[in-house]
Amino acid sequence: MNRAHARALRHNPTEAERALWKHLRLRQMEGQGFRVLRFGNHQVLADVQAVKEAIREALLRT
């Protein structure tokens, strides 16, 4: 993926990405470091609570 494409994706989030970030605050994750976790759009839209719990568990393991 080139930089222009990555930038375009950041500036045009999907409905699922917007829904997830609505529930998460970036500052809650500052200083925690990042790992790649993947969730399908359908998972986020159908059960955002389960996605949030998976993220929380991943943060607790680090």
Protein backbone atom coordinates (compact mmCIF):
# COMPACT_ATOMS: atom_id res chain seq x y z
CA MET A 1 0.00 0.00 0.00
CA ASN A 2 1.45 3.36 -0.92
CA ARG A 3 1.30 6.46 1.28
CA ALA A 4 -1.33 8.21 -0.80
CA HIS A 5 -3.65 5.22 -0.57
CA ALA A 6 -3.06 4.88 3.20
CA ARG A 7 -3.76 8.60 3.67
CA ALA A 8 -6.96 8.33 1.63
CA LEU A 9 -8.14 5.42 3.80
CA ARG A 10 -7.46 7.42 6.99
CA HIS A 11 -9.40 10.40 5.67
CA ASN A 12 -12.34 8.31 4.43
CA PRO A 13 -13.18 5.79 7.16
CA THR A 14 -15.77 3.11 6.60
CA GLU A 15 -19.01 3.10 8.57
CA ALA A 16 -17.55 0.34 10.77
CA GLU A 17 -14.40 2.36 11.49
CA ARG A 18 -16.45 5.43 12.43
CA ALA A 19 -18.66 3.32 14.71
CA LEU A 20 -15.66 1.78 16.46
CA TRP A 21 -13.79 5.07 16.98
CA LYS A 22 -16.98 6.57 18.34
CA HIS A 23 -16.70 4.06 21.18
CA LEU A 24 -12.98 4.26 21.68
CA ARG A 25 -10.96 7.27 22.65
CA LEU A 26 -7.47 7.58 21.35
CA ARG A 27 -6.22 8.92 24.65
CA GLN A 28 -7.30 5.69 26.37
CA MET A 29 -4.78 3.85 24.24
CA GLU A 30 -1.93 6.38 24.42
CA GLY A 31 1.13 4.92 26.02
CA GLN A 32 -0.22 1.39 25.66
CA GLY A 33 1.57 0.70 22.39
CA PHE A 34 -0.22 -0.76 19.43
CA ARG A 35 -0.65 -4.20 17.94
CA VAL A 36 -2.57 -5.10 14.86
CA LEU A 37 -6.01 -6.45 15.59
CA ARG A 38 -8.36 -7.17 12.73
CA PHE A 39 -12.13 -7.07 12.83
CA GLY A 40 -14.51 -7.35 9.94
CA ASN A 41 -16.94 -4.52 9.29
CA HIS A 42 -19.81 -6.86 10.07
CA GLN A 43 -18.31 -7.65 13.51
CA VAL A 44 -18.00 -3.99 14.43
CA LEU A 45 -21.47 -3.07 13.23
CA ALA A 46 -23.18 -6.15 14.70
CA ASP A 47 -21.41 -6.34 18.08
CA VAL A 48 -19.20 -3.36 18.90
CA GLN A 49 -19.17 -4.40 22.58
CA ALA A 50 -17.42 -7.69 21.73
CA VAL A 51 -14.89 -5.83 19.59
CA LYS A 52 -14.18 -3.39 22.43
CA GLU A 53 -13.73 -6.30 24.84
CA ALA A 54 -11.27 -8.00 22.46
CA ILE A 55 -9.28 -4.76 22.24
CA ARG A 56 -9.32 -4.37 26.03
CA GLU A 57 -8.09 -7.94 26.52
CA ALA A 58 -5.30 -7.41 23.99
CA LEU A 59 -4.20 -4.26 25.82
CA LEU A 60 -4.18 -6.08 29.15
CA ARG A 61 -1.90 -8.80 27.71
CA THR A 62 0.76 -6.30 26.67
